[in-house]
Amino acid sequence: MAPVGANRYAPSPLIDSAAGRGLAIYRLLALAYASIVVWGNRDDLVRPWVAGATLLGLLVWSVVAPLWPRPTRLAIVLETLVAVTAIMLTNLAYSAEAVAGGVPTLPTNWSASAVLAGALYSGLRGGLLVAAVIAVTNIVQAEPESALTYHNIVLLLLLGALVGLGWSGKEAEDAAAKLA
């Protein structure tokens, strides 16, 4: 008989795995990069407080998300919403000329963390769905779109597909090993 409370902890595949730890580290490193990019483009900011608040919001999510005991569909939706909001706030933080000139979005590559989380949680479908949402957001945000916008979209779709396929394969291997 198992001790009382022994079954209460259900390890989170997004935290208790190398992939989950990698995602948590990725969020923080991508946030550091985004901060450097925003600082480098600070002369184009018309509302620096929007950029600062956006980066602070990304930091809060980057710290809080790994603390969830189990990943849920709600967590993936929230992470996607955080990324979409941060991308769209780019147009509020920067001048119209800077946006039209192709200034990077406020989260830069941090928004790929939502794609990674979707792929780790739901495999190929989750990765591609979140990548599509982020891609559409980037197209809506970028006026006019540039070749770089589409380059980034291709990278997001590849990331969602490859991580999703890889994670689905890992889950199948783990399930087979448990049955053996």
N, C-alpha and C. Protein backbone atom coordinates (compact mmCIF):
# COMPACT_ATOMS: atom_id res chain seq x y z
N MET A 1 0.85 -1.17 0.00
CA MET A 1 0.00 0.00 0.00
C MET A 1 0.90 1.24 0.00
N ALA A 2 0.55 2.20 -0.84
CA ALA A 2 1.35 3.42 -0.95
C ALA A 2 1.08 4.32 0.25
N PRO A 3 2.13 5.01 0.73
CA PRO A 3 1.93 5.94 1.84
C PRO A 3 0.94 7.03 1.46
N VAL A 4 0.25 7.56 2.48
CA VAL A 4 -0.72 8.63 2.25
C VAL A 4 -0.01 9.81 1.59
N GLY A 5 -0.61 10.34 0.55
CA GLY A 5 -0.03 11.50 -0.14
C GLY A 5 1.05 11.14 -1.14
N ALA A 6 1.35 9.85 -1.30
CA ALA A 6 2.42 9.45 -2.21
C ALA A 6 2.10 9.74 -3.66
N ASN A 7 0.82 9.74 -4.00
CA ASN A 7 0.43 9.95 -5.39
C ASN A 7 0.08 11.41 -5.69
N ARG A 8 0.33 12.30 -4.79
CA ARG A 8 -0.05 13.69 -5.00
C ARG A 8 0.83 14.40 -6.00
N TYR A 9 2.10 14.10 -6.06
CA TYR A 9 2.99 14.79 -6.98
C TYR A 9 2.99 14.07 -8.32
N ALA A 10 2.55 14.77 -9.33
CA ALA A 10 2.57 14.24 -10.69
C ALA A 10 3.62 15.04 -11.45
N PRO A 11 4.76 14.44 -11.74
CA PRO A 11 5.82 15.20 -12.40
C PRO A 11 5.35 15.86 -13.68
N SER A 12 5.77 17.07 -13.87
CA SER A 12 5.41 17.83 -15.06
C SER A 12 6.39 17.51 -16.17
N PRO A 13 5.91 17.05 -17.32
CA PRO A 13 6.84 16.77 -18.42
C PRO A 13 7.50 18.04 -18.95
N LEU A 14 6.91 19.20 -18.68
CA LEU A 14 7.54 20.44 -19.16
C LEU A 14 8.55 20.98 -18.16
N ILE A 15 8.58 20.49 -16.94
CA ILE A 15 9.52 20.99 -15.96
C ILE A 15 10.51 19.90 -15.54
N ASP A 16 10.01 18.70 -15.34
CA ASP A 16 10.87 17.62 -14.85
C ASP A 16 11.60 16.91 -15.97
N SER A 17 11.60 17.48 -17.14
CA SER A 17 12.30 16.88 -18.26
C SER A 17 13.36 17.85 -18.76
N ALA A 18 14.28 17.32 -19.50
CA ALA A 18 15.31 18.18 -20.10
C ALA A 18 14.66 19.21 -21.02
N ALA A 19 13.62 18.81 -21.74
CA ALA A 19 12.95 19.74 -22.65
C ALA A 19 12.29 20.87 -21.86
N GLY A 20 11.66 20.55 -20.75
CA GLY A 20 11.02 21.57 -19.93
C GLY A 20 12.02 22.53 -19.32
N ARG A 21 13.12 21.99 -18.85
CA ARG A 21 14.17 22.86 -18.30
C ARG A 21 14.77 23.71 -19.41
N GLY A 22 14.93 23.11 -20.58
CA GLY A 22 15.45 23.87 -21.73
C GLY A 22 14.52 25.01 -22.11
N LEU A 23 13.21 24.76 -22.07
CA LEU A 23 12.23 25.81 -22.37
C LEU A 23 12.32 26.94 -21.34
N ALA A 24 12.44 26.60 -20.08
CA ALA A 24 12.55 27.63 -19.04
C ALA A 24 13.80 28.48 -19.24
N ILE A 25 14.90 27.84 -19.57
CA ILE A 25 16.15 28.57 -19.81
C ILE A 25 16.04 29.40 -21.09
N TYR A 26 15.42 28.82 -22.11
CA TYR A 26 15.23 29.55 -23.37
C TYR A 26 14.47 30.86 -23.14
N ARG A 27 13.38 30.78 -22.35
CA ARG A 27 12.60 31.99 -22.08
C ARG A 27 13.48 33.10 -21.51
N LEU A 28 14.31 32.75 -20.55
CA LEU A 28 15.16 33.76 -19.90
C LEU A 28 16.24 34.29 -20.84
N LEU A 29 16.87 33.40 -21.59
CA LEU A 29 17.90 33.86 -22.54
C LEU A 29 17.29 34.71 -23.65
N ALA A 30 16.12 34.30 -24.15
CA ALA A 30 15.45 35.08 -25.19
C ALA A 30 15.01 36.45 -24.64
N LEU A 31 14.62 36.49 -23.38
CA LEU A 31 14.25 37.76 -22.76
C LEU A 31 15.47 38.67 -22.63
N ALA A 32 16.60 38.11 -22.26
CA ALA A 32 17.84 38.91 -22.20
C ALA A 32 18.16 39.48 -23.58
N TYR A 33 18.02 38.66 -24.60
CA TYR A 33 18.27 39.12 -25.97
C TYR A 33 17.28 40.21 -26.36
N ALA A 34 16.00 40.01 -26.05
CA ALA A 34 14.98 41.02 -26.37
C ALA A 34 15.30 42.34 -25.69
N SER A 35 15.75 42.28 -24.45
CA SER A 35 16.11 43.49 -23.72
C SER A 35 17.26 44.23 -24.40
N ILE A 36 18.24 43.48 -24.88
CA ILE A 36 19.38 44.08 -25.59
C ILE A 36 18.91 44.72 -26.89
N VAL A 37 18.03 44.04 -27.61
CA VAL A 37 17.52 44.57 -28.88
C VAL A 37 16.71 45.85 -28.63
N VAL A 38 15.85 45.84 -27.62
CA VAL A 38 15.06 47.03 -27.31
C VAL A 38 15.99 48.18 -26.93
N TRP A 39 16.99 47.89 -26.12
CA TRP A 39 17.96 48.92 -25.72
C TRP A 39 18.68 49.48 -26.95
N GLY A 40 19.04 48.62 -27.85
CA GLY A 40 19.73 49.06 -29.07
C GLY A 40 18.87 49.91 -29.98
N ASN A 41 17.55 49.77 -29.87
CA ASN A 41 16.61 50.55 -30.68
C ASN A 41 15.89 51.61 -29.85
N ARG A 42 16.43 51.96 -28.71
CA ARG A 42 15.76 52.88 -27.79
C ARG A 42 15.47 54.25 -28.40
N ASP A 43 16.27 54.69 -29.36
CA ASP A 43 16.03 55.99 -29.99
C ASP A 43 14.75 56.01 -30.81
N ASP A 44 14.26 54.84 -31.20
CA ASP A 44 13.03 54.75 -31.99
C ASP A 44 11.78 54.59 -31.12
N LEU A 45 11.97 54.46 -29.81
CA LEU A 45 10.83 54.29 -28.91
C LEU A 45 10.11 55.61 -28.71
N VAL A 46 8.80 55.60 -28.90
CA VAL A 46 7.99 56.78 -28.59
C VAL A 46 7.31 56.62 -27.23
N ARG A 47 7.21 55.39 -26.78
CA ARG A 47 6.65 55.08 -25.46
C ARG A 47 7.55 54.03 -24.79
N PRO A 48 8.67 54.48 -24.24
CA PRO A 48 9.58 53.52 -23.62
C PRO A 48 8.95 52.74 -22.47
N TRP A 49 7.97 53.34 -21.80
CA TRP A 49 7.32 52.65 -20.70
C TRP A 49 6.57 51.41 -21.20
N VAL A 50 6.05 51.46 -22.43
CA VAL A 50 5.37 50.29 -23.00
C VAL A 50 6.38 49.16 -23.20
N ALA A 51 7.54 49.51 -23.72
CA ALA A 51 8.59 48.49 -23.91
C ALA A 51 9.02 47.91 -22.57
N GLY A 52 9.21 48.78 -21.58
CA GLY A 52 9.63 48.31 -20.25
C GLY A 52 8.58 47.42 -19.61
N ALA A 53 7.31 47.83 -19.70
CA ALA A 53 6.22 47.03 -19.13
C ALA A 53 6.09 45.69 -19.86
N THR A 54 6.29 45.71 -21.16
CA THR A 54 6.21 44.47 -21.94
C THR A 54 7.31 43.50 -21.52
N LEU A 55 8.53 44.00 -21.42
CA LEU A 55 9.65 43.14 -21.01
C LEU A 55 9.44 42.64 -19.58
N LEU A 56 8.88 43.47 -18.71
CA LEU A 56 8.58 43.04 -17.35
C LEU A 56 7.53 41.93 -17.37
N GLY A 57 6.50 42.09 -18.21
CA GLY A 57 5.49 41.04 -18.33
C GLY A 57 6.09 39.72 -18.81
N LEU A 58 7.01 39.80 -19.77
CA LEU A 58 7.68 38.58 -20.26
C LEU A 58 8.51 37.95 -19.14
N LEU A 59 9.15 38.79 -18.32
CA LEU A 59 9.94 38.27 -17.19
C LEU A 59 9.04 37.56 -16.20
N VAL A 60 7.91 38.19 -15.87
CA VAL A 60 6.99 37.56 -14.91
C VAL A 60 6.54 36.20 -15.43
N TRP A 61 6.12 36.14 -16.70
CA TRP A 61 5.69 34.86 -17.25
C TRP A 61 6.84 33.85 -17.27
N SER A 62 8.03 34.30 -17.62
CA SER A 62 9.19 33.41 -17.71
C SER A 62 9.53 32.79 -16.36
N VAL A 63 9.23 33.51 -15.28
CA VAL A 63 9.50 33.00 -13.93
C VAL A 63 8.33 32.16 -13.43
N VAL A 64 7.10 32.59 -13.71
CA VAL A 64 5.91 31.91 -13.18
C VAL A 64 5.60 30.61 -13.93
N ALA A 65 5.72 30.61 -15.24
CA ALA A 65 5.32 29.44 -16.04
C ALA A 65 5.98 28.14 -15.59
N PRO A 66 7.28 28.13 -15.31
CA PRO A 66 7.88 26.85 -14.88
C PRO A 66 7.41 26.39 -13.50
N LEU A 67 6.74 27.24 -12.75
CA LEU A 67 6.30 26.87 -11.42
C LEU A 67 4.96 26.14 -11.41
N TRP A 68 4.25 26.15 -12.54
CA TRP A 68 2.98 25.43 -12.60
C TRP A 68 3.26 23.95 -12.38
N PRO A 69 2.46 23.29 -11.53
CA PRO A 69 2.74 21.88 -11.25
C PRO A 69 2.59 20.97 -12.46
N ARG A 70 1.67 21.30 -13.34
CA ARG A 70 1.49 20.51 -14.57
C ARG A 70 1.15 21.47 -15.69
N PRO A 71 1.67 21.22 -16.86
CA PRO A 71 1.28 22.05 -17.99
C PRO A 71 -0.17 21.75 -18.35
N THR A 72 -0.86 22.76 -18.75
CA THR A 72 -2.26 22.59 -19.14
C THR A 72 -2.48 23.32 -20.46
N ARG A 73 -3.61 23.03 -21.06
CA ARG A 73 -3.99 23.75 -22.27
C ARG A 73 -4.10 25.25 -21.96
N LEU A 74 -4.62 25.57 -20.77
CA LEU A 74 -4.75 26.96 -20.36
C LEU A 74 -3.38 27.65 -20.31
N ALA A 75 -2.38 26.95 -19.80
CA ALA A 75 -1.04 27.53 -19.72
C ALA A 75 -0.49 27.83 -21.12
N ILE A 76 -0.74 26.94 -22.06
CA ILE A 76 -0.27 27.15 -23.43
C ILE A 76 -1.01 28.33 -24.06
N VAL A 77 -2.31 28.41 -23.82
CA VAL A 77 -3.10 29.54 -24.34
C VAL A 77 -2.60 30.85 -23.73
N LEU A 78 -2.35 30.85 -22.43
CA LEU A 78 -1.85 32.07 -21.78
C LEU A 78 -0.49 32.47 -22.32
N GLU A 79 0.40 31.51 -22.50
CA GLU A 79 1.73 31.83 -23.04
C GLU A 79 1.61 32.40 -24.46
N THR A 80 0.73 31.82 -25.24
CA THR A 80 0.50 32.33 -26.60
C THR A 80 -0.07 33.74 -26.54
N LEU A 81 -0.99 33.97 -25.63
CA LEU A 81 -1.58 35.31 -25.47
C LEU A 81 -0.51 36.32 -25.04
N VAL A 82 0.37 35.93 -24.16
CA VAL A 82 1.47 36.81 -23.74
C VAL A 82 2.34 37.18 -24.94
N ALA A 83 2.68 36.19 -25.75
CA ALA A 83 3.52 36.44 -26.92
C ALA A 83 2.81 37.34 -27.94
N VAL A 84 1.54 37.05 -28.20
CA VAL A 84 0.77 37.84 -29.17
C VAL A 84 0.66 39.29 -28.68
N THR A 85 0.36 39.46 -27.42
CA THR A 85 0.25 40.81 -26.85
C THR A 85 1.57 41.56 -26.97
N ALA A 86 2.66 40.90 -26.63
CA ALA A 86 3.97 41.55 -26.71
C ALA A 86 4.31 41.95 -28.14
N ILE A 87 3.98 41.09 -29.09
CA ILE A 87 4.23 41.42 -30.50
C ILE A 87 3.42 42.65 -30.90
N MET A 88 2.14 42.66 -30.54
CA MET A 88 1.26 43.77 -30.95
C MET A 88 1.62 45.07 -30.25
N LEU A 89 2.17 45.01 -29.04
CA LEU A 89 2.58 46.22 -28.34
C LEU A 89 3.77 46.91 -29.00
N THR A 90 4.43 46.21 -29.90
CA THR A 90 5.54 46.81 -30.65
C THR A 90 5.08 48.08 -31.35
N ASN A 91 3.90 48.04 -31.94
CA ASN A 91 3.39 49.20 -32.68
C ASN A 91 3.06 50.37 -31.77
N LEU A 92 2.80 50.09 -30.51
CA LEU A 92 2.53 51.16 -29.55
C LEU A 92 3.83 51.74 -28.98
N ALA A 93 4.82 50.90 -28.82
CA ALA A 93 6.08 51.34 -28.22
C ALA A 93 6.97 52.11 -29.19
N TYR A 94 7.01 51.68 -30.44
CA TYR A 94 7.91 52.29 -31.43
C TYR A 94 7.16 53.26 -32.33
N SER A 95 7.90 54.16 -32.92
CA SER A 95 7.31 55.08 -33.89
C SER A 95 6.84 54.31 -35.12
N ALA A 96 5.87 54.89 -35.83
CA ALA A 96 5.34 54.26 -37.04
C ALA A 96 6.46 54.08 -38.07
N GLU A 97 7.38 55.03 -38.13
CA GLU A 97 8.49 54.94 -39.08
C GLU A 97 9.40 53.76 -38.73
N ALA A 98 9.65 53.57 -37.44
CA ALA A 98 10.51 52.45 -37.02
C ALA A 98 9.86 51.12 -37.35
N VAL A 99 8.55 51.02 -37.10
CA VAL A 99 7.83 49.77 -37.40
C VAL A 99 7.86 49.52 -38.90
N ALA A 100 7.58 50.56 -39.69
CA ALA A 100 7.59 50.41 -41.15
C ALA A 100 8.99 50.08 -41.65
N GLY A 101 9.99 50.55 -40.91
CA GLY A 101 11.38 50.27 -41.29
C GLY A 101 11.87 48.89 -40.86
N GLY A 102 11.02 48.14 -40.16
CA GLY A 102 11.38 46.77 -39.82
C GLY A 102 12.02 46.59 -38.45
N VAL A 103 11.76 47.51 -37.50
CA VAL A 103 12.31 47.33 -36.16
C VAL A 103 11.82 45.97 -35.62
N PRO A 104 12.67 45.23 -34.92
CA PRO A 104 12.23 43.94 -34.38
C PRO A 104 11.07 44.12 -33.38
N THR A 105 10.24 43.11 -33.29
CA THR A 105 9.16 43.15 -32.30
C THR A 105 9.76 43.19 -30.91
N LEU A 106 8.98 43.68 -29.95
CA LEU A 106 9.49 43.77 -28.57
C LEU A 106 9.97 42.42 -28.04
N PRO A 107 9.23 41.33 -28.24
CA PRO A 107 9.71 40.07 -27.68
C PRO A 107 10.79 39.39 -28.54
N THR A 108 11.03 39.89 -29.72
CA THR A 108 11.94 39.25 -30.70
C THR A 108 11.67 37.75 -30.71
N ASN A 109 12.69 36.96 -30.41
CA ASN A 109 12.50 35.51 -30.51
C ASN A 109 11.92 34.87 -29.25
N TRP A 110 11.58 35.66 -28.23
CA TRP A 110 10.93 35.12 -27.04
C TRP A 110 9.61 34.47 -27.42
N SER A 111 8.93 35.02 -28.42
CA SER A 111 7.61 34.48 -28.80
C SER A 111 7.70 33.03 -29.26
N ALA A 112 8.86 32.58 -29.64
CA ALA A 112 9.03 31.17 -30.01
C ALA A 112 8.87 30.25 -28.79
N SER A 113 8.96 30.79 -27.59
CA SER A 113 8.76 29.95 -26.40
C SER A 113 7.33 29.39 -26.37
N ALA A 114 6.38 30.17 -26.86
CA ALA A 114 5.00 29.66 -26.91
C ALA A 114 4.91 28.50 -27.89
N VAL A 115 5.63 28.59 -28.99
CA VAL A 115 5.64 27.51 -29.99
C VAL A 115 6.27 26.26 -29.37
N LEU A 116 7.38 26.45 -28.66
CA LEU A 116 8.02 25.31 -27.99
C LEU A 116 7.09 24.68 -26.98
N ALA A 117 6.44 25.51 -26.17
CA ALA A 117 5.53 24.99 -25.14
C ALA A 117 4.37 24.23 -25.79
N GLY A 118 3.81 24.79 -26.87
CA GLY A 118 2.73 24.10 -27.57
C GLY A 118 3.17 22.76 -28.14
N ALA A 119 4.37 22.73 -28.68
CA ALA A 119 4.89 21.49 -29.25
C ALA A 119 5.18 20.46 -28.17
N LEU A 120 5.71 20.91 -27.04
CA LEU A 120 6.01 19.97 -25.95
C LEU A 120 4.74 19.44 -25.30
N TYR A 121 3.71 20.27 -25.27
CA TYR A 121 2.46 19.84 -24.64
C TYR A 121 1.60 18.99 -25.56
N SER A 122 1.51 19.39 -26.82
CA SER A 122 0.56 18.73 -27.73
C SER A 122 1.18 18.13 -28.97
N GLY A 123 2.49 18.05 -29.02
CA GLY A 123 3.13 17.44 -30.18
C GLY A 123 3.04 18.31 -31.42
N LEU A 124 3.02 17.67 -32.56
CA LEU A 124 3.03 18.36 -33.85
C LEU A 124 1.87 19.34 -33.99
N ARG A 125 0.66 18.89 -33.66
CA ARG A 125 -0.52 19.76 -33.78
C ARG A 125 -0.38 21.02 -32.94
N GLY A 126 0.04 20.86 -31.69
CA GLY A 126 0.18 22.00 -30.79
C GLY A 126 1.25 22.96 -31.26
N GLY A 127 2.39 22.42 -31.70
CA GLY A 127 3.47 23.26 -32.18
C GLY A 127 3.08 24.06 -33.41
N LEU A 128 2.43 23.39 -34.36
CA LEU A 128 2.03 24.09 -35.58
C LEU A 128 0.89 25.09 -35.34
N LEU A 129 -0.04 24.74 -34.45
CA LEU A 129 -1.14 25.66 -34.15
C LEU A 129 -0.62 26.95 -33.54
N VAL A 130 0.24 26.83 -32.53
CA VAL A 130 0.79 28.02 -31.89
C VAL A 130 1.67 28.79 -32.87
N ALA A 131 2.46 28.09 -33.67
CA ALA A 131 3.29 28.76 -34.68
C ALA A 131 2.43 29.55 -35.65
N ALA A 132 1.29 28.99 -36.04
CA ALA A 132 0.39 29.69 -36.96
C ALA A 132 -0.18 30.95 -36.32
N VAL A 133 -0.55 30.86 -35.05
CA VAL A 133 -1.08 32.03 -34.35
C VAL A 133 -0.01 33.13 -34.26
N ILE A 134 1.21 32.76 -33.90
CA ILE A 134 2.29 33.74 -33.81
C ILE A 134 2.61 34.29 -35.20
N ALA A 135 2.56 33.46 -36.22
CA ALA A 135 2.84 33.90 -37.59
C ALA A 135 1.82 34.93 -38.05
N VAL A 136 0.55 34.65 -37.84
CA VAL A 136 -0.49 35.59 -38.23
C VAL A 136 -0.32 36.91 -37.47
N THR A 137 0.00 36.82 -36.20
CA THR A 137 0.22 38.03 -35.41
C THR A 137 1.38 38.84 -35.98
N ASN A 138 2.44 38.19 -36.37
CA ASN A 138 3.58 38.90 -36.96
C ASN A 138 3.20 39.57 -38.27
N ILE A 139 2.38 38.92 -39.07
CA ILE A 139 1.95 39.52 -40.34
C ILE A 139 1.06 40.73 -40.07
N VAL A 140 0.15 40.61 -39.12
CA VAL A 140 -0.73 41.73 -38.78
C VAL A 140 0.09 42.89 -38.22
N GLN A 141 1.06 42.59 -37.38
CA GLN A 141 1.87 43.63 -36.74
C GLN A 141 2.78 44.34 -37.72
N ALA A 142 3.38 43.61 -38.63
CA ALA A 142 4.38 44.19 -39.53
C ALA A 142 3.69 44.90 -40.69
N GLU A 143 3.80 46.20 -40.72
CA GLU A 143 3.23 47.00 -41.81
C GLU A 143 4.33 47.80 -42.46
N PRO A 144 4.78 47.52 -43.60
CA PRO A 144 4.45 46.35 -44.41
C PRO A 144 5.30 45.15 -43.97
N GLU A 145 4.86 43.97 -44.34
CA GLU A 145 5.64 42.77 -44.04
C GLU A 145 6.95 42.83 -44.85
N SER A 146 7.95 42.17 -44.31
CA SER A 146 9.23 42.14 -45.01
C SER A 146 9.63 40.68 -45.23
N ALA A 147 10.68 40.51 -45.98
CA ALA A 147 11.21 39.15 -46.18
C ALA A 147 11.61 38.55 -44.84
N LEU A 148 12.09 39.38 -43.92
CA LEU A 148 12.49 38.90 -42.59
C LEU A 148 11.28 38.37 -41.83
N THR A 149 10.13 39.02 -41.99
CA THR A 149 8.91 38.53 -41.34
C THR A 149 8.61 37.11 -41.79
N TYR A 150 8.66 36.88 -43.08
CA TYR A 150 8.36 35.54 -43.61
C TYR A 150 9.46 34.54 -43.27
N HIS A 151 10.68 34.99 -43.20
CA HIS A 151 11.79 34.14 -42.78
C HIS A 151 11.53 33.65 -41.35
N ASN A 152 11.13 34.57 -40.47
CA ASN A 152 10.85 34.19 -39.08
C ASN A 152 9.65 33.25 -38.98
N ILE A 153 8.66 33.45 -39.83
CA ILE A 153 7.49 32.58 -39.83
C ILE A 153 7.89 31.16 -40.22
N VAL A 154 8.73 31.03 -41.21
CA VAL A 154 9.20 29.70 -41.62
C VAL A 154 9.94 29.04 -40.47
N LEU A 155 10.77 29.80 -39.77
CA LEU A 155 11.50 29.24 -38.62
C LEU A 155 10.54 28.79 -37.51
N LEU A 156 9.51 29.58 -37.24
CA LEU A 156 8.52 29.20 -36.23
C LEU A 156 7.80 27.91 -36.62
N LEU A 157 7.40 27.80 -37.88
CA LEU A 157 6.70 26.59 -38.33
C LEU A 157 7.62 25.37 -38.26
N LEU A 158 8.86 25.54 -38.65
CA LEU A 158 9.82 24.43 -38.55
C LEU A 158 10.03 24.03 -37.10
N LEU A 159 10.18 25.01 -36.23
CA LEU A 159 10.37 24.74 -34.80
C LEU A 159 9.17 23.97 -34.25
N GLY A 160 7.98 24.46 -34.52
CA GLY A 160 6.78 23.78 -34.03
C GLY A 160 6.66 22.36 -34.54
N ALA A 161 6.96 22.18 -35.82
CA ALA A 161 6.85 20.84 -36.42
C ALA A 161 7.91 19.89 -35.89
N LEU A 162 9.15 20.32 -35.90
CA LEU A 162 10.24 19.42 -35.52
C LEU A 162 10.23 19.07 -34.04
N VAL A 163 10.00 20.07 -33.19
CA VAL A 163 9.92 19.77 -31.75
C VAL A 163 8.68 18.94 -31.48
N GLY A 164 7.57 19.28 -32.13
CA GLY A 164 6.36 18.50 -31.95
C GLY A 164 6.52 17.05 -32.36
N LEU A 165 7.15 16.82 -33.50
CA LEU A 165 7.40 15.44 -33.95
C LEU A 165 8.35 14.73 -33.00
N GLY A 166 9.40 15.40 -32.61
CA GLY A 166 10.39 14.81 -31.71
C GLY A 166 9.81 14.47 -30.36
N TRP A 167 9.00 15.38 -29.82
CA TRP A 167 8.42 15.15 -28.50
C TRP A 167 7.39 14.03 -28.56
N SER A 168 6.60 13.99 -29.63
CA SER A 168 5.62 12.91 -29.78
C SER A 168 6.34 11.56 -29.86
N GLY A 169 7.45 11.52 -30.57
CA GLY A 169 8.24 10.29 -30.67
C GLY A 169 8.82 9.89 -29.32
N LYS A 170 9.26 10.86 -28.53
CA LYS A 170 9.82 10.59 -27.21
C LYS A 170 8.74 10.03 -26.30
N GLU A 171 7.53 10.61 -26.36
CA GLU A 171 6.43 10.11 -25.54
C GLU A 171 6.09 8.67 -25.92
N ALA A 172 6.10 8.35 -27.21
CA ALA A 172 5.81 6.99 -27.66
C ALA A 172 6.87 6.01 -27.16
N GLU A 173 8.13 6.44 -27.21
CA GLU A 173 9.21 5.57 -26.71
C GLU A 173 9.06 5.34 -25.22
N ASP A 174 8.74 6.41 -24.46
CA ASP A 174 8.57 6.27 -23.01
C ASP A 174 7.40 5.34 -22.68
N ALA A 175 6.30 5.46 -23.43
CA ALA A 175 5.14 4.60 -23.19
C ALA A 175 5.49 3.15 -23.50
N ALA A 176 6.22 2.91 -24.57
CA ALA A 176 6.62 1.55 -24.93
C ALA A 176 7.54 0.96 -23.87
N ALA A 177 8.45 1.78 -23.35
CA ALA A 177 9.37 1.30 -22.32
C ALA A 177 8.62 0.93 -21.03
N LYS A 178 7.58 1.69 -20.69
CA LYS A 178 6.79 1.38 -19.49
C LYS A 178 6.02 0.07 -19.65
N LEU A 179 5.59 -0.22 -20.89
CA LEU A 179 4.86 -1.45 -21.13
C LEU A 179 5.75 -2.67 -21.16
N ALA A 180 7.03 -2.46 -21.47
CA ALA A 180 7.95 -3.58 -21.60
C ALA A 180 8.34 -4.18 -20.27
